[in-house]
Amino acid sequence: MGWTDFYRRRDALDAVLDAAAGDPAAPLTFDRELFATEDELLAALHYRWMQQLTGRLGVALEDAAGDRVETVTATWRALAAEQPVLRAVLDEHLTATDAVEREQRLLALTAGLADLTEPSDEIARVGAAFLALVRNAPQPRVRHRRLAKSA
């Protein structure tokens, strides 16, 4: 793929997300010259999500001194908040088990909840449970201290 194709695909993905912003559950409209099927489109959207997620997880874990579970949770939630349409489209339309399980395994392994020596399906099961908690657990309230007035 040359740069021209790369930019055409990037722009086409952006157009899909722009169109889906009003209703991410609606049928997706996309350029069939660039993506032959909806599954191919969803694979490209999921790739975009995973690129951003893995990059952010790497940075967050490098900078974190605390709990890996908390770091992974905060990172996933922050990306989902920054990319709500992308996340919503994937949640509504992505049914490819291998893609979903890839994300689940990434989260389980990165959070330290599973080990590479475990069976892949077990790692995905742990990741699915973890992701359900990440999505549904109440987020802690942040307390702000008042700053003392400077004299």
N, C-alpha and C. Protein backbone atom coordinates (compact mmCIF):
# COMPACT_ATOMS: atom_id res chain seq x y z
N MET A 1 0.85 -1.17 0.00
CA MET A 1 0.00 0.00 0.00
C MET A 1 0.89 1.23 0.00
N GLY A 2 0.65 2.10 -0.93
CA GLY A 2 1.39 3.36 -1.00
C GLY A 2 0.74 4.41 -0.11
N TRP A 3 1.39 5.58 -0.05
CA TRP A 3 0.87 6.65 0.79
C TRP A 3 -0.49 7.14 0.33
N THR A 4 -0.71 7.17 -0.96
CA THR A 4 -2.01 7.61 -1.46
C THR A 4 -3.12 6.70 -0.96
N ASP A 5 -2.89 5.39 -1.04
CA ASP A 5 -3.87 4.42 -0.55
C ASP A 5 -4.06 4.54 0.96
N PHE A 6 -2.95 4.74 1.66
CA PHE A 6 -3.02 4.89 3.12
C PHE A 6 -3.93 6.05 3.49
N TYR A 7 -3.71 7.21 2.85
CA TYR A 7 -4.50 8.39 3.17
C TYR A 7 -5.96 8.22 2.74
N ARG A 8 -6.21 7.55 1.63
CA ARG A 8 -7.59 7.29 1.20
C ARG A 8 -8.31 6.43 2.23
N ARG A 9 -7.63 5.38 2.71
CA ARG A 9 -8.24 4.50 3.71
C ARG A 9 -8.46 5.24 5.03
N ARG A 10 -7.48 6.04 5.43
CA ARG A 10 -7.62 6.81 6.67
C ARG A 10 -8.82 7.75 6.57
N ASP A 11 -8.93 8.47 5.45
CA ASP A 11 -10.04 9.40 5.24
C ASP A 11 -11.37 8.66 5.19
N ALA A 12 -11.38 7.47 4.58
CA ALA A 12 -12.60 6.67 4.50
C ALA A 12 -13.04 6.21 5.90
N LEU A 13 -12.09 5.82 6.73
CA LEU A 13 -12.42 5.42 8.11
C LEU A 13 -12.96 6.62 8.89
N ASP A 14 -12.34 7.77 8.71
CA ASP A 14 -12.82 8.98 9.37
C ASP A 14 -14.25 9.30 8.93
N ALA A 15 -14.54 9.12 7.65
CA ALA A 15 -15.88 9.40 7.12
C ALA A 15 -16.91 8.44 7.73
N VAL A 16 -16.54 7.18 7.89
CA VAL A 16 -17.44 6.20 8.51
C VAL A 16 -17.76 6.63 9.93
N LEU A 17 -16.74 7.04 10.68
CA LEU A 17 -16.95 7.45 12.07
C LEU A 17 -17.76 8.74 12.16
N ASP A 18 -17.51 9.67 11.24
CA ASP A 18 -18.31 10.90 11.21
C ASP A 18 -19.78 10.59 10.96
N ALA A 19 -20.04 9.69 10.01
CA ALA A 19 -21.42 9.32 9.69
C ALA A 19 -22.08 8.56 10.84
N ALA A 20 -21.31 7.80 11.58
CA ALA A 20 -21.85 6.99 12.67
C ALA A 20 -22.01 7.76 13.97
N ALA A 21 -21.53 8.98 14.02
CA ALA A 21 -21.56 9.74 15.26
C ALA A 21 -22.96 9.92 15.82
N GLY A 22 -23.94 10.09 14.95
CA GLY A 22 -25.32 10.27 15.41
C GLY A 22 -25.95 9.00 15.94
N ASP A 23 -25.60 7.87 15.34
CA ASP A 23 -26.17 6.58 15.74
C ASP A 23 -25.19 5.47 15.41
N PRO A 24 -24.29 5.15 16.34
CA PRO A 24 -23.28 4.12 16.07
C PRO A 24 -23.86 2.73 15.79
N ALA A 25 -25.11 2.50 16.17
CA ALA A 25 -25.73 1.20 15.94
C ALA A 25 -26.35 1.09 14.55
N ALA A 26 -26.47 2.20 13.84
CA ALA A 26 -27.06 2.19 12.51
C ALA A 26 -26.15 1.44 11.54
N PRO A 27 -26.72 0.94 10.45
CA PRO A 27 -25.87 0.28 9.45
C PRO A 27 -24.77 1.22 8.97
N LEU A 28 -23.59 0.68 8.79
CA LEU A 28 -22.44 1.48 8.41
C LEU A 28 -22.42 1.71 6.90
N THR A 29 -22.14 2.93 6.52
CA THR A 29 -21.97 3.25 5.10
C THR A 29 -20.49 3.49 4.87
N PHE A 30 -19.98 2.89 3.79
CA PHE A 30 -18.54 2.98 3.54
C PHE A 30 -18.24 2.79 2.07
N ASP A 31 -17.04 3.16 1.70
CA ASP A 31 -16.56 3.08 0.33
C ASP A 31 -16.21 1.63 0.00
N ARG A 32 -17.00 1.02 -0.86
CA ARG A 32 -16.81 -0.39 -1.20
C ARG A 32 -15.63 -0.62 -2.13
N GLU A 33 -15.07 0.44 -2.66
CA GLU A 33 -13.83 0.29 -3.44
C GLU A 33 -12.64 0.07 -2.53
N LEU A 34 -12.72 0.61 -1.31
CA LEU A 34 -11.63 0.47 -0.36
C LEU A 34 -11.82 -0.71 0.59
N PHE A 35 -13.06 -0.98 0.95
CA PHE A 35 -13.38 -2.07 1.86
C PHE A 35 -14.47 -2.92 1.20
N ALA A 36 -14.12 -4.12 0.84
CA ALA A 36 -15.05 -4.98 0.09
C ALA A 36 -16.25 -5.39 0.92
N THR A 37 -16.04 -5.57 2.22
CA THR A 37 -17.12 -6.03 3.09
C THR A 37 -17.12 -5.22 4.38
N GLU A 38 -18.21 -5.31 5.11
CA GLU A 38 -18.27 -4.66 6.41
C GLU A 38 -17.25 -5.27 7.37
N ASP A 39 -17.02 -6.56 7.26
CA ASP A 39 -16.02 -7.21 8.11
C ASP A 39 -14.63 -6.63 7.87
N GLU A 40 -14.32 -6.35 6.61
CA GLU A 40 -13.02 -5.75 6.29
C GLU A 40 -12.93 -4.34 6.87
N LEU A 41 -14.00 -3.59 6.78
CA LEU A 41 -14.05 -2.25 7.38
C LEU A 41 -13.86 -2.33 8.89
N LEU A 42 -14.59 -3.24 9.53
CA LEU A 42 -14.49 -3.37 10.99
C LEU A 42 -13.11 -3.83 11.42
N ALA A 43 -12.47 -4.65 10.62
CA ALA A 43 -11.10 -5.06 10.93
C ALA A 43 -10.17 -3.85 10.91
N ALA A 44 -10.36 -2.95 9.95
CA ALA A 44 -9.54 -1.75 9.86
C ALA A 44 -9.83 -0.81 11.04
N LEU A 45 -11.09 -0.68 11.42
CA LEU A 45 -11.43 0.16 12.57
C LEU A 45 -10.87 -0.43 13.87
N HIS A 46 -10.94 -1.75 13.99
CA HIS A 46 -10.39 -2.40 15.18
C HIS A 46 -8.87 -2.26 15.22
N TYR A 47 -8.24 -2.34 14.07
CA TYR A 47 -6.79 -2.14 14.00
C TYR A 47 -6.43 -0.74 14.49
N ARG A 48 -7.23 0.25 14.09
CA ARG A 48 -7.00 1.63 14.54
C ARG A 48 -7.10 1.70 16.07
N TRP A 49 -8.14 1.08 16.62
CA TRP A 49 -8.33 1.06 18.07
C TRP A 49 -7.13 0.38 18.76
N MET A 50 -6.74 -0.76 18.25
CA MET A 50 -5.66 -1.53 18.89
C MET A 50 -4.32 -0.80 18.80
N GLN A 51 -4.06 -0.10 17.70
CA GLN A 51 -2.83 0.68 17.59
C GLN A 51 -2.78 1.74 18.68
N GLN A 52 -3.87 2.45 18.84
CA GLN A 52 -3.91 3.49 19.85
C GLN A 52 -3.82 2.90 21.26
N LEU A 53 -4.54 1.81 21.49
CA LEU A 53 -4.55 1.20 22.81
C LEU A 53 -3.18 0.65 23.19
N THR A 54 -2.54 -0.08 22.29
CA THR A 54 -1.23 -0.65 22.63
C THR A 54 -0.19 0.44 22.84
N GLY A 55 -0.24 1.47 22.04
CA GLY A 55 0.70 2.58 22.22
C GLY A 55 0.52 3.26 23.56
N ARG A 56 -0.71 3.53 23.91
CA ARG A 56 -0.99 4.20 25.18
C ARG A 56 -0.68 3.31 26.37
N LEU A 57 -0.95 2.03 26.23
CA LEU A 57 -0.62 1.11 27.33
C LEU A 57 0.88 1.07 27.56
N GLY A 58 1.65 1.04 26.48
CA GLY A 58 3.10 1.03 26.61
C GLY A 58 3.62 2.25 27.34
N VAL A 59 3.11 3.41 26.97
CA VAL A 59 3.53 4.65 27.62
C VAL A 59 3.07 4.68 29.07
N ALA A 60 1.82 4.30 29.30
CA ALA A 60 1.27 4.35 30.66
C ALA A 60 2.02 3.41 31.60
N LEU A 61 2.35 2.23 31.13
CA LEU A 61 3.06 1.28 31.98
C LEU A 61 4.50 1.72 32.23
N GLU A 62 5.08 2.38 31.26
CA GLU A 62 6.45 2.89 31.43
C GLU A 62 6.47 3.98 32.51
N ASP A 63 5.44 4.80 32.53
CA ASP A 63 5.38 5.92 33.46
C ASP A 63 4.79 5.55 34.82
N ALA A 64 4.08 4.43 34.90
CA ALA A 64 3.36 4.07 36.12
C ALA A 64 4.27 3.39 37.14
N ALA A 65 4.03 3.75 38.37
CA ALA A 65 4.75 3.09 39.46
C ALA A 65 3.77 2.26 40.28
N GLY A 66 2.50 2.35 39.96
CA GLY A 66 1.47 1.70 40.76
C GLY A 66 0.97 0.39 40.18
N ASP A 67 -0.24 0.13 40.48
CA ASP A 67 -0.93 -1.11 40.15
C ASP A 67 -1.17 -1.21 38.64
N ARG A 68 -0.77 -2.32 38.04
CA ARG A 68 -0.95 -2.52 36.59
C ARG A 68 -2.42 -2.57 36.22
N VAL A 69 -3.25 -3.17 37.06
CA VAL A 69 -4.68 -3.25 36.77
C VAL A 69 -5.27 -1.85 36.69
N GLU A 70 -4.93 -1.00 37.64
CA GLU A 70 -5.43 0.37 37.64
C GLU A 70 -4.92 1.14 36.42
N THR A 71 -3.67 0.92 36.06
CA THR A 71 -3.09 1.61 34.90
C THR A 71 -3.79 1.20 33.62
N VAL A 72 -4.00 -0.10 33.43
CA VAL A 72 -4.68 -0.58 32.23
C VAL A 72 -6.13 -0.10 32.20
N THR A 73 -6.79 -0.15 33.34
CA THR A 73 -8.18 0.32 33.43
C THR A 73 -8.27 1.80 33.04
N ALA A 74 -7.44 2.62 33.65
CA ALA A 74 -7.48 4.06 33.37
C ALA A 74 -7.13 4.35 31.91
N THR A 75 -6.19 3.61 31.35
CA THR A 75 -5.78 3.83 29.97
C THR A 75 -6.91 3.46 29.00
N TRP A 76 -7.54 2.31 29.22
CA TRP A 76 -8.64 1.89 28.34
C TRP A 76 -9.78 2.89 28.43
N ARG A 77 -10.14 3.28 29.65
CA ARG A 77 -11.25 4.23 29.82
C ARG A 77 -10.93 5.58 29.19
N ALA A 78 -9.70 6.04 29.32
CA ALA A 78 -9.33 7.33 28.74
C ALA A 78 -9.44 7.28 27.21
N LEU A 79 -8.97 6.21 26.62
CA LEU A 79 -9.06 6.09 25.16
C LEU A 79 -10.53 5.99 24.72
N ALA A 80 -11.32 5.23 25.45
CA ALA A 80 -12.74 5.11 25.11
C ALA A 80 -13.44 6.47 25.22
N ALA A 81 -13.03 7.29 26.19
CA ALA A 81 -13.61 8.63 26.33
C ALA A 81 -13.16 9.56 25.21
N GLU A 82 -11.92 9.38 24.74
CA GLU A 82 -11.41 10.22 23.66
C GLU A 82 -11.92 9.78 22.30
N GLN A 83 -12.24 8.51 22.15
CA GLN A 83 -12.70 7.95 20.88
C GLN A 83 -14.07 7.28 21.07
N PRO A 84 -15.08 8.02 21.53
CA PRO A 84 -16.36 7.38 21.85
C PRO A 84 -17.08 6.78 20.64
N VAL A 85 -16.97 7.41 19.49
CA VAL A 85 -17.66 6.88 18.31
C VAL A 85 -16.98 5.61 17.83
N LEU A 86 -15.66 5.62 17.77
CA LEU A 86 -14.93 4.41 17.37
C LEU A 86 -15.27 3.26 18.30
N ARG A 87 -15.23 3.51 19.61
CA ARG A 87 -15.53 2.44 20.56
C ARG A 87 -16.96 1.96 20.41
N ALA A 88 -17.90 2.89 20.23
CA ALA A 88 -19.31 2.53 20.10
C ALA A 88 -19.57 1.73 18.83
N VAL A 89 -18.94 2.12 17.72
CA VAL A 89 -19.10 1.37 16.46
C VAL A 89 -18.58 -0.05 16.63
N LEU A 90 -17.41 -0.18 17.24
CA LEU A 90 -16.87 -1.52 17.47
C LEU A 90 -17.77 -2.33 18.38
N ASP A 91 -18.27 -1.72 19.42
CA ASP A 91 -19.15 -2.44 20.36
C ASP A 91 -20.44 -2.89 19.69
N GLU A 92 -20.94 -2.08 18.78
CA GLU A 92 -22.20 -2.40 18.12
C GLU A 92 -22.06 -3.38 16.95
N HIS A 93 -20.93 -3.33 16.25
CA HIS A 93 -20.83 -4.06 14.99
C HIS A 93 -19.78 -5.17 14.94
N LEU A 94 -18.74 -5.07 15.75
CA LEU A 94 -17.65 -6.04 15.65
C LEU A 94 -18.07 -7.38 16.24
N THR A 95 -18.14 -8.37 15.40
CA THR A 95 -18.51 -9.71 15.85
C THR A 95 -17.40 -10.73 15.61
N ALA A 96 -16.32 -10.31 14.99
CA ALA A 96 -15.22 -11.22 14.70
C ALA A 96 -14.58 -11.66 16.02
N THR A 97 -14.79 -12.91 16.37
CA THR A 97 -14.32 -13.43 17.64
C THR A 97 -12.82 -13.26 17.81
N ASP A 98 -12.06 -13.49 16.75
CA ASP A 98 -10.60 -13.38 16.88
C ASP A 98 -10.18 -11.96 17.24
N ALA A 99 -10.83 -10.95 16.69
CA ALA A 99 -10.48 -9.56 17.00
C ALA A 99 -10.85 -9.22 18.43
N VAL A 100 -12.05 -9.61 18.83
CA VAL A 100 -12.50 -9.33 20.20
C VAL A 100 -11.58 -10.03 21.20
N GLU A 101 -11.25 -11.29 20.94
CA GLU A 101 -10.39 -12.03 21.86
C GLU A 101 -8.97 -11.48 21.87
N ARG A 102 -8.52 -10.94 20.77
CA ARG A 102 -7.18 -10.33 20.72
C ARG A 102 -7.10 -9.17 21.72
N GLU A 103 -8.13 -8.34 21.74
CA GLU A 103 -8.16 -7.22 22.68
C GLU A 103 -8.27 -7.74 24.12
N GLN A 104 -9.09 -8.75 24.33
CA GLN A 104 -9.24 -9.31 25.67
C GLN A 104 -7.92 -9.89 26.18
N ARG A 105 -7.21 -10.61 25.32
CA ARG A 105 -5.91 -11.18 25.73
C ARG A 105 -4.91 -10.07 26.02
N LEU A 106 -4.88 -9.04 25.19
CA LEU A 106 -3.98 -7.91 25.43
C LEU A 106 -4.22 -7.32 26.81
N LEU A 107 -5.47 -7.09 27.15
CA LEU A 107 -5.79 -6.48 28.43
C LEU A 107 -5.42 -7.39 29.60
N ALA A 108 -5.74 -8.67 29.49
CA ALA A 108 -5.42 -9.61 30.58
C ALA A 108 -3.92 -9.71 30.80
N LEU A 109 -3.17 -9.83 29.73
CA LEU A 109 -1.72 -9.96 29.84
C LEU A 109 -1.08 -8.67 30.34
N THR A 110 -1.51 -7.54 29.79
CA THR A 110 -0.92 -6.26 30.17
C THR A 110 -1.23 -5.91 31.62
N ALA A 111 -2.42 -6.25 32.08
CA ALA A 111 -2.79 -5.98 33.47
C ALA A 111 -2.13 -6.95 34.44
N GLY A 112 -1.51 -7.99 33.91
CA GLY A 112 -0.86 -8.97 34.77
C GLY A 112 -1.82 -9.98 35.36
N LEU A 113 -2.99 -10.12 34.75
CA LEU A 113 -4.01 -11.04 35.25
C LEU A 113 -3.87 -12.44 34.65
N ALA A 114 -3.04 -12.55 33.64
CA ALA A 114 -2.81 -13.83 32.97
C ALA A 114 -1.36 -13.88 32.55
N ASP A 115 -0.94 -15.08 32.19
CA ASP A 115 0.45 -15.31 31.81
C ASP A 115 0.47 -16.00 30.45
N LEU A 116 1.48 -15.75 29.68
CA LEU A 116 1.59 -16.34 28.34
C LEU A 116 1.63 -17.87 28.36
N THR A 117 1.94 -18.46 29.51
CA THR A 117 1.99 -19.92 29.59
C THR A 117 0.59 -20.53 29.68
N GLU A 118 -0.41 -19.71 29.92
CA GLU A 118 -1.78 -20.19 30.03
C GLU A 118 -2.37 -20.38 28.63
N PRO A 119 -3.38 -21.24 28.51
CA PRO A 119 -4.04 -21.42 27.21
C PRO A 119 -4.67 -20.11 26.72
N SER A 120 -4.62 -19.90 25.44
CA SER A 120 -5.11 -18.67 24.83
C SER A 120 -6.57 -18.41 25.16
N ASP A 121 -7.40 -19.45 25.15
CA ASP A 121 -8.82 -19.24 25.43
C ASP A 121 -9.05 -18.85 26.89
N GLU A 122 -8.19 -19.33 27.79
CA GLU A 122 -8.29 -18.95 29.19
C GLU A 122 -7.88 -17.48 29.38
N ILE A 123 -6.83 -17.07 28.68
CA ILE A 123 -6.40 -15.67 28.74
C ILE A 123 -7.51 -14.76 28.23
N ALA A 124 -8.16 -15.16 27.14
CA ALA A 124 -9.26 -14.37 26.59
C ALA A 124 -10.44 -14.32 27.56
N ARG A 125 -10.71 -15.43 28.24
CA ARG A 125 -11.82 -15.46 29.22
C ARG A 125 -11.53 -14.49 30.37
N VAL A 126 -10.30 -14.49 30.86
CA VAL A 126 -9.91 -13.57 31.93
C VAL A 126 -10.02 -12.13 31.42
N GLY A 127 -9.55 -11.90 30.21
CA GLY A 127 -9.63 -10.56 29.62
C GLY A 127 -11.06 -10.09 29.43
N ALA A 128 -11.95 -10.99 29.06
CA ALA A 128 -13.36 -10.63 28.89
C ALA A 128 -13.97 -10.22 30.22
N ALA A 129 -13.65 -10.96 31.27
CA ALA A 129 -14.17 -10.62 32.60
C ALA A 129 -13.60 -9.26 33.05
N PHE A 130 -12.31 -9.07 32.82
CA PHE A 130 -11.67 -7.80 33.19
C PHE A 130 -12.30 -6.64 32.41
N LEU A 131 -12.49 -6.81 31.12
CA LEU A 131 -13.07 -5.75 30.30
C LEU A 131 -14.50 -5.42 30.75
N ALA A 132 -15.25 -6.43 31.14
CA ALA A 132 -16.60 -6.18 31.66
C ALA A 132 -16.54 -5.30 32.91
N LEU A 133 -15.57 -5.55 33.76
CA LEU A 133 -15.40 -4.71 34.96
C LEU A 133 -14.96 -3.30 34.58
N VAL A 134 -14.04 -3.20 33.64
CA VAL A 134 -13.56 -1.89 33.20
C VAL A 134 -14.72 -1.05 32.67
N ARG A 135 -15.60 -1.67 31.93
CA ARG A 135 -16.73 -0.97 31.32
C ARG A 135 -17.80 -0.60 32.34
N ASN A 136 -18.05 -1.50 33.30
CA ASN A 136 -19.24 -1.36 34.13
C ASN A 136 -19.01 -0.92 35.56
N ALA A 137 -17.80 -1.05 36.06
CA ALA A 137 -17.54 -0.67 37.45
C ALA A 137 -17.64 0.84 37.59
N PRO A 138 -18.20 1.29 38.70
CA PRO A 138 -18.26 2.74 38.89
C PRO A 138 -16.85 3.32 38.99
N GLN A 139 -16.69 4.48 38.42
CA GLN A 139 -15.38 5.13 38.44
C GLN A 139 -15.24 5.88 39.76
N PRO A 140 -14.05 5.83 40.33
CA PRO A 140 -13.85 6.51 41.62
C PRO A 140 -14.01 8.01 41.48
N ARG A 141 -14.52 8.61 42.52
CA ARG A 141 -14.65 10.07 42.52
C ARG A 141 -13.30 10.66 42.87
N VAL A 142 -12.95 11.67 42.16
CA VAL A 142 -11.68 12.34 42.41
C VAL A 142 -11.93 13.49 43.38
N ARG A 143 -11.17 13.50 44.44
CA ARG A 143 -11.29 14.57 45.42
C ARG A 143 -10.21 15.60 45.14
N HIS A 144 -10.63 16.83 45.14
CA HIS A 144 -9.69 17.92 44.89
C HIS A 144 -9.51 18.69 46.20
N ARG A 145 -8.26 18.94 46.53
CA ARG A 145 -7.98 19.76 47.70
C ARG A 145 -7.95 21.22 47.26
N ARG A 146 -8.43 22.04 48.13
CA ARG A 146 -8.36 23.48 47.86
C ARG A 146 -6.91 23.92 48.01
N LEU A 147 -6.49 24.71 47.11
CA LEU A 147 -5.15 25.28 47.21
C LEU A 147 -5.19 26.48 48.14
N ALA A 148 -4.20 26.57 48.98
CA ALA A 148 -4.13 27.70 49.90
C ALA A 148 -3.88 28.98 49.10
N LYS A 149 -4.51 30.04 49.51
CA LYS A 149 -4.28 31.31 48.84
C LYS A 149 -2.88 31.78 49.17
N SER A 150 -2.20 32.22 48.15
CA SER A 150 -0.85 32.72 48.40
C SER A 150 -0.92 34.13 48.99
N ALA A 151 -0.01 34.41 49.87
CA ALA A 151 -0.02 35.69 50.57
C ALA A 151 0.56 36.80 49.75
